[in-house]
PDB file of N, CA and C in Angstrom:
ATOM      1  N   UNK A   1       0.857  -1.176   0.000  1.00  0.00           N
ATOM      2  CA  UNK A   1       0.000   0.000   0.000  1.00  0.00           C
ATOM      3  C   UNK A   1       0.897   1.231   0.000  1.00  0.00           C
ATOM      4  N   UNK A   2       0.595   2.165  -0.864  1.00  0.00           N
ATOM      5  CA  UNK A   2       1.413   3.362  -0.950  1.00  0.00           C
ATOM      6  C   UNK A   2       1.079   4.320   0.191  1.00  0.00           C
ATOM      7  N   UNK A   3       1.981   5.240   0.425  1.00  0.00           N
ATOM      8  CA  UNK A   3       1.769   6.227   1.484  1.00  0.00           C
ATOM      9  C   UNK A   3       0.593   7.141   1.138  1.00  0.00           C
ATOM     10  N   UNK A   4       0.339   7.367  -0.163  1.00  0.00           N
ATOM     11  CA  UNK A   4      -0.788   8.208  -0.562  1.00  0.00           C
ATOM     12  C   UNK A   4      -2.118   7.583  -0.152  1.00  0.00           C
ATOM     13  N   UNK A   5      -2.230   6.260  -0.262  1.00  0.00           N
ATOM     14  CA  UNK A   5      -3.470   5.568   0.061  1.00  0.00           C
ATOM     15  C   UNK A   5      -3.721   5.502   1.565  1.00  0.00           C
ATOM     16  N   UNK A   6      -2.672   5.507   2.369  1.00  0.00           N
ATOM     17  CA  UNK A   6      -2.836   5.338   3.811  1.00  0.00           C
ATOM     18  C   UNK A   6      -3.620   6.480   4.436  1.00  0.00           C
ATOM     19  N   UNK A   7      -3.504   7.684   3.900  1.00  0.00           N
ATOM     20  CA  UNK A   7      -4.173   8.821   4.497  1.00  0.00           C
ATOM     21  C   UNK A   7      -5.555   9.095   3.946  1.00  0.00           C
ATOM     22  N   UNK A   8      -5.991   8.337   2.944  1.00  0.00           N
ATOM     23  CA  UNK A   8      -7.260   8.650   2.299  1.00  0.00           C
ATOM     24  C   UNK A   8      -8.364   7.641   2.587  1.00  0.00           C
ATOM     25  N   UNK A   9      -8.028   6.504   3.190  1.00  0.00           N
ATOM     26  CA  UNK A   9      -9.018   5.461   3.441  1.00  0.00           C
ATOM     27  C   UNK A   9      -8.935   4.956   4.869  1.00  0.00           C
ATOM     28  N   UNK A  10     -10.031   4.349   5.301  1.00  0.00           N
ATOM     29  CA  UNK A  10     -10.077   3.717   6.614  1.00  0.00           C
ATOM     30  C   UNK A  10     -10.695   2.333   6.456  1.00  0.00           C
ATOM     31  N   UNK A  11     -10.183   1.375   7.194  1.00  0.00           N
ATOM     32  CA  UNK A  11     -10.744   0.026   7.169  1.00  0.00           C
ATOM     33  C   UNK A  11     -11.850  -0.052   8.211  1.00  0.00           C
ATOM     34  N   UNK A  12     -13.029  -0.480   7.785  1.00  0.00           N
ATOM     35  CA  UNK A  12     -14.155  -0.698   8.687  1.00  0.00           C
ATOM     36  C   UNK A  12     -14.574  -2.155   8.566  1.00  0.00           C
ATOM     37  N   UNK A  13     -15.067  -2.704   9.649  1.00  0.00           N
ATOM     38  CA  UNK A  13     -15.518  -4.092   9.663  1.00  0.00           C
ATOM     39  C   UNK A  13     -17.039  -4.107   9.685  1.00  0.00           C
ATOM     40  N   UNK A  14     -17.610  -4.846   8.727  1.00  0.00           N
ATOM     41  CA  UNK A  14     -19.056  -4.900   8.541  1.00  0.00           C
ATOM     42  C   UNK A  14     -19.496  -6.351   8.660  1.00  0.00           C
ATOM     43  N   UNK A  15     -20.584  -6.579   9.373  1.00  0.00           N
ATOM     44  CA  UNK A  15     -21.114  -7.931   9.565  1.00  0.00           C
ATOM     45  C   UNK A  15     -22.240  -8.180   8.574  1.00  0.00           C
ATOM     46  N   UNK A  16     -22.104  -9.239   7.769  1.00  0.00           N
ATOM     47  CA  UNK A  16     -23.182  -9.647   6.866  1.00  0.00           C
ATOM     48  C   UNK A  16     -24.159 -10.498   7.665  1.00  0.00           C
ATOM     49  N   UNK A  17     -25.375 -10.011   7.819  1.00  0.00           N
ATOM     50  CA  UNK A  17     -26.391 -10.735   8.583  1.00  0.00           C
ATOM     51  C   UNK A  17     -26.938 -11.951   7.845  1.00  0.00           C
ATOM     52  N   UNK A  18     -26.704 -12.021   6.544  1.00  0.00           N
ATOM     53  CA  UNK A  18     -27.242 -13.125   5.755  1.00  0.00           C
ATOM     54  C   UNK A  18     -26.385 -14.384   5.893  1.00  0.00           C
ATOM     55  N   UNK A  19     -25.046 -14.240   5.758  1.00  0.00           N
ATOM     56  CA  UNK A  19     -24.170 -15.420   5.811  1.00  0.00           C
ATOM     57  C   UNK A  19     -23.252 -15.412   7.029  1.00  0.00           C
ATOM     58  N   UNK A  20     -23.387 -14.393   7.884  1.00  0.00           N
ATOM     59  CA  UNK A  20     -22.635 -14.302   9.140  1.00  0.00           C
ATOM     60  C   UNK A  20     -21.132 -14.125   8.926  1.00  0.00           C
ATOM     61  N   UNK A  21     -20.746 -13.446   7.840  1.00  0.00           N
ATOM     62  CA  UNK A  21     -19.348 -13.187   7.527  1.00  0.00           C
ATOM     63  C   UNK A  21     -18.980 -11.788   7.996  1.00  0.00           C
ATOM     64  N   UNK A  22     -17.752 -11.620   8.483  1.00  0.00           N
ATOM     65  CA  UNK A  22     -17.226 -10.298   8.824  1.00  0.00           C
ATOM     66  C   UNK A  22     -16.448  -9.797   7.618  1.00  0.00           C
ATOM     67  N   UNK A  23     -16.811  -8.625   7.117  1.00  0.00           N
ATOM     68  CA  UNK A  23     -16.180  -8.055   5.933  1.00  0.00           C
ATOM     69  C   UNK A  23     -15.263  -6.916   6.333  1.00  0.00           C
ATOM     70  N   UNK A  24     -14.052  -6.897   5.794  1.00  0.00           N
ATOM     71  CA  UNK A  24     -13.138  -5.770   5.958  1.00  0.00           C
ATOM     72  C   UNK A  24     -13.332  -4.875   4.739  1.00  0.00           C
ATOM     73  N   UNK A  25     -13.769  -3.637   4.963  1.00  0.00           N
ATOM     74  CA  UNK A  25     -14.125  -2.734   3.876  1.00  0.00           C
ATOM     75  C   UNK A  25     -13.247  -1.493   3.950  1.00  0.00           C
ATOM     76  N   UNK A  26     -12.570  -1.161   2.844  1.00  0.00           N
ATOM     77  CA  UNK A  26     -11.817   0.086   2.747  1.00  0.00           C
ATOM     78  C   UNK A  26     -12.780   1.182   2.317  1.00  0.00           C
ATOM     79  N   UNK A  27     -12.895   2.214   3.133  1.00  0.00           N
ATOM     80  CA  UNK A  27     -13.834   3.298   2.850  1.00  0.00           C
ATOM     81  C   UNK A  27     -13.055   4.602   2.754  1.00  0.00           C
ATOM     82  N   UNK A  28     -13.228   5.351   1.655  1.00  0.00           N
ATOM     83  CA  UNK A  28     -12.577   6.657   1.564  1.00  0.00           C
ATOM     84  C   UNK A  28     -13.094   7.586   2.661  1.00  0.00           C
ATOM     85  N   UNK A  29     -12.208   8.418   3.191  1.00  0.00           N
ATOM     86  CA  UNK A  29     -12.629   9.358   4.231  1.00  0.00           C
ATOM     87  C   UNK A  29     -13.740  10.280   3.733  1.00  0.00           C
ATOM     88  N   UNK A  30     -13.803  10.526   2.429  1.00  0.00           N
ATOM     89  CA  UNK A  30     -14.859  11.395   1.900  1.00  0.00           C
ATOM     90  C   UNK A  30     -16.240  10.749   2.010  1.00  0.00           C
ATOM     91  N   UNK A  31     -16.302   9.435   2.237  1.00  0.00           N
ATOM     92  CA  UNK A  31     -17.584   8.730   2.367  1.00  0.00           C
ATOM     93  C   UNK A  31     -17.899   8.330   3.799  1.00  0.00           C
ATOM     94  N   UNK A  32     -17.116   8.776   4.768  1.00  0.00           N
ATOM     95  CA  UNK A  32     -17.296   8.339   6.149  1.00  0.00           C
ATOM     96  C   UNK A  32     -18.554   8.907   6.803  1.00  0.00           C
ATOM     97  N   UNK A  33     -19.148   9.935   6.242  1.00  0.00           N
ATOM     98  CA  UNK A  33     -20.352  10.527   6.833  1.00  0.00           C
ATOM     99  C   UNK A  33     -21.608  10.185   6.039  1.00  0.00           C
ATOM    100  N   UNK A  34     -21.528   9.139   5.225  1.00  0.00           N
ATOM    101  CA  UNK A  34     -22.659   8.777   4.374  1.00  0.00           C
ATOM    102  C   UNK A  34     -23.059   7.321   4.604  1.00  0.00           C
ATOM    103  N   UNK A  35     -24.098   6.917   3.911  1.00  0.00           N
ATOM    104  CA  UNK A  35     -24.498   5.510   3.877  1.00  0.00           C
ATOM    105  C   UNK A  35     -23.936   4.928   2.588  1.00  0.00           C
ATOM    106  N   UNK A  36     -23.177   3.850   2.695  1.00  0.00           N
ATOM    107  CA  UNK A  36     -22.566   3.228   1.523  1.00  0.00           C
ATOM    108  C   UNK A  36     -23.150   1.833   1.320  1.00  0.00           C
ATOM    109  N   UNK A  37     -23.084   1.365   0.089  1.00  0.00           N
ATOM    110  CA  UNK A  37     -23.534   0.018  -0.245  1.00  0.00           C
ATOM    111  C   UNK A  37     -22.322  -0.887  -0.348  1.00  0.00           C
ATOM    112  N   UNK A  38     -22.387  -2.017   0.337  1.00  0.00           N
ATOM    113  CA  UNK A  38     -21.298  -2.994   0.359  1.00  0.00           C
ATOM    114  C   UNK A  38     -21.860  -4.323  -0.129  1.00  0.00           C
ATOM    115  N   UNK A  39     -21.143  -4.975  -1.030  1.00  0.00           N
ATOM    116  CA  UNK A  39     -21.549  -6.307  -1.492  1.00  0.00           C
ATOM    117  C   UNK A  39     -20.679  -7.333  -0.787  1.00  0.00           C
ATOM    118  N   UNK A  40     -21.323  -8.300  -0.151  1.00  0.00           N
ATOM    119  CA  UNK A  40     -20.608  -9.374   0.532  1.00  0.00           C
ATOM    120  C   UNK A  40     -19.914 -10.246  -0.514  1.00  0.00           C
ATOM    121  N   UNK A  41     -18.635 -10.498  -0.325  1.00  0.00           N
ATOM    122  CA  UNK A  41     -17.879 -11.333  -1.246  1.00  0.00           C
ATOM    123  C   UNK A  41     -18.165 -12.809  -1.085  1.00  0.00           C
ATOM    124  N   UNK A  42     -18.849 -13.184  -0.026  1.00  0.00           N
ATOM    125  CA  UNK A  42     -19.150 -14.598   0.213  1.00  0.00           C
ATOM    126  C   UNK A  42     -20.506 -14.991  -0.366  1.00  0.00           C
ATOM    127  N   UNK A  43     -21.550 -14.202  -0.081  1.00  0.00           N
ATOM    128  CA  UNK A  43     -22.903 -14.569  -0.525  1.00  0.00           C
ATOM    129  C   UNK A  43     -23.491 -13.588  -1.542  1.00  0.00           C
ATOM    130  N   UNK A  44     -22.792 -12.502  -1.857  1.00  0.00           N
ATOM    131  CA  UNK A  44     -23.213 -11.476  -2.816  1.00  0.00           C
ATOM    132  C   UNK A  44     -24.399 -10.647  -2.325  1.00  0.00           C
ATOM    133  N   UNK A  45     -24.728 -10.716  -1.038  1.00  0.00           N
ATOM    134  CA  UNK A  45     -25.787  -9.897  -0.458  1.00  0.00           C
ATOM    135  C   UNK A  45     -25.356  -8.432  -0.466  1.00  0.00           C
ATOM    136  N   UNK A  46     -26.284  -7.514  -0.737  1.00  0.00           N
ATOM    137  CA  UNK A  46     -25.994  -6.086  -0.681  1.00  0.00           C
ATOM    138  C   UNK A  46     -26.388  -5.546   0.684  1.00  0.00           C
ATOM    139  N   UNK A  47     -25.468  -4.805   1.298  1.00  0.00           N
ATOM    140  CA  UNK A  47     -25.693  -4.232   2.621  1.00  0.00           C
ATOM    141  C   UNK A  47     -25.631  -2.714   2.517  1.00  0.00           C
ATOM    142  N   UNK A  48     -26.564  -2.022   3.137  1.00  0.00           N
ATOM    143  CA  UNK A  48     -26.493  -0.572   3.277  1.00  0.00           C
ATOM    144  C   UNK A  48     -25.910  -0.295   4.650  1.00  0.00           C
ATOM    145  N   UNK A  49     -24.770   0.386   4.677  1.00  0.00           N
ATOM    146  CA  UNK A  49     -24.041   0.582   5.924  1.00  0.00           C
ATOM    147  C   UNK A  49     -23.913   2.069   6.213  1.00  0.00           C
ATOM    148  N   UNK A  50     -24.396   2.479   7.382  1.00  0.00           N
ATOM    149  CA  UNK A  50     -24.202   3.838   7.867  1.00  0.00           C
ATOM    150  C   UNK A  50     -22.781   3.912   8.402  1.00  0.00           C
ATOM    151  N   UNK A  51     -21.887   4.592   7.697  1.00  0.00           N
ATOM    152  CA  UNK A  51     -20.472   4.572   8.048  1.00  0.00           C
ATOM    153  C   UNK A  51     -20.182   5.301   9.355  1.00  0.00           C
ATOM    154  N   UNK A  52     -21.012   6.263   9.743  1.00  0.00           N
ATOM    155  CA  UNK A  52     -20.806   6.930  11.034  1.00  0.00           C
ATOM    156  C   UNK A  52     -20.978   5.914  12.156  1.00  0.00           C
ATOM    157  N   UNK A  53     -22.050   5.137  12.110  1.00  0.00           N
ATOM    158  CA  UNK A  53     -22.296   4.130  13.144  1.00  0.00           C
ATOM    159  C   UNK A  53     -21.268   3.006  13.071  1.00  0.00           C
ATOM    160  N   UNK A  54     -20.898   2.582  11.861  1.00  0.00           N
ATOM    161  CA  UNK A  54     -19.938   1.481  11.709  1.00  0.00           C
ATOM    162  C   UNK A  54     -18.556   1.879  12.198  1.00  0.00           C
ATOM    163  N   UNK A  55     -18.170   3.129  12.005  1.00  0.00           N
ATOM    164  CA  UNK A  55     -16.836   3.548  12.427  1.00  0.00           C
ATOM    165  C   UNK A  55     -16.755   3.747  13.938  1.00  0.00           C
ATOM    166  N   UNK A  56     -17.887   3.936  14.607  1.00  0.00           N
ATOM    167  CA  UNK A  56     -17.879   4.121  16.058  1.00  0.00           C
ATOM    168  C   UNK A  56     -17.937   2.807  16.818  1.00  0.00           C
ATOM    169  N   UNK A  57     -18.365   1.724  16.151  1.00  0.00           N
ATOM    170  CA  UNK A  57     -18.475   0.430  16.818  1.00  0.00           C
ATOM    171  C   UNK A  57     -17.102  -0.221  16.919  1.00  0.00           C
ATOM    172  N   UNK A  58     -16.709  -0.645  18.114  1.00  0.00           N
ATOM    173  CA  UNK A  58     -15.448  -1.382  18.229  1.00  0.00           C
ATOM    174  C   UNK A  58     -15.606  -2.767  17.621  1.00  0.00           C
ATOM    175  N   UNK A  59     -14.544  -3.250  16.991  1.00  0.00           N
ATOM    176  CA  UNK A  59     -14.579  -4.588  16.390  1.00  0.00           C
ATOM    177  C   UNK A  59     -14.226  -5.607  17.449  1.00  0.00           C
ATOM    178  N   UNK A  60     -15.108  -6.567  17.656  1.00  0.00           N
ATOM    179  CA  UNK A  60     -14.809  -7.654  18.586  1.00  0.00           C
ATOM    180  C   UNK A  60     -14.938  -8.964  17.826  1.00  0.00           C
ATOM    181  N   UNK A  61     -13.830  -9.682  17.656  1.00  0.00           N
ATOM    182  CA  UNK A  61     -13.888 -10.930  16.905  1.00  0.00           C
ATOM    183  C   UNK A  61     -14.778 -11.947  17.592  1.00  0.00           C
ATOM    184  N   UNK A  62     -15.394 -12.841  16.811  1.00  0.00           N
ATOM    185  CA  UNK A  62     -16.254 -13.866  17.416  1.00  0.00           C
ATOM    186  C   UNK A  62     -15.470 -14.755  18.370  1.00  0.00           C
ATOM    187  N   UNK A  63     -16.114 -15.155  19.446  1.00  0.00           N
ATOM    188  CA  UNK A  63     -15.469 -16.022  20.432  1.00  0.00           C
ATOM    189  C   UNK A  63     -15.559 -17.475  19.980  1.00  0.00           C
ATOM    190  N   UNK A  64     -14.468 -18.197  20.102  1.00  0.00           N
ATOM    191  CA  UNK A  64     -14.448 -19.611  19.753  1.00  0.00           C
ATOM    192  C   UNK A  64     -14.986 -20.430  20.916  1.00  0.00           C
ATOM    193  N   UNK A  65     -15.756 -21.471  20.628  1.00  0.00           N
ATOM    194  CA  UNK A  65     -16.258 -22.319  21.724  1.00  0.00           C
ATOM    195  C   UNK A  65     -15.105 -23.033  22.420  1.00  0.00           C
ATOM    196  N   UNK A  66     -15.239 -23.199  23.718  1.00  0.00           N
ATOM    197  CA  UNK A  66     -14.158 -23.844  24.481  1.00  0.00           C
ATOM    198  C   UNK A  66     -14.549 -25.213  24.932  1.00  0.00           C
TER     199      UNK A  66
END
């Protein structure tokens, strides 16, 4: 990744409710205050994501059964 790209995008984690996959999404800072459409790479479901809410949520990985 170039140094130019590092300052223009942020990685957000989005949960697909259809197939239960966690998606890592690169979002330009210019779109951080909008609702963006994300296509799940696993099931092709389209998700409408409010980036303000998604960027404020801490990412907590799923817990493995013990």
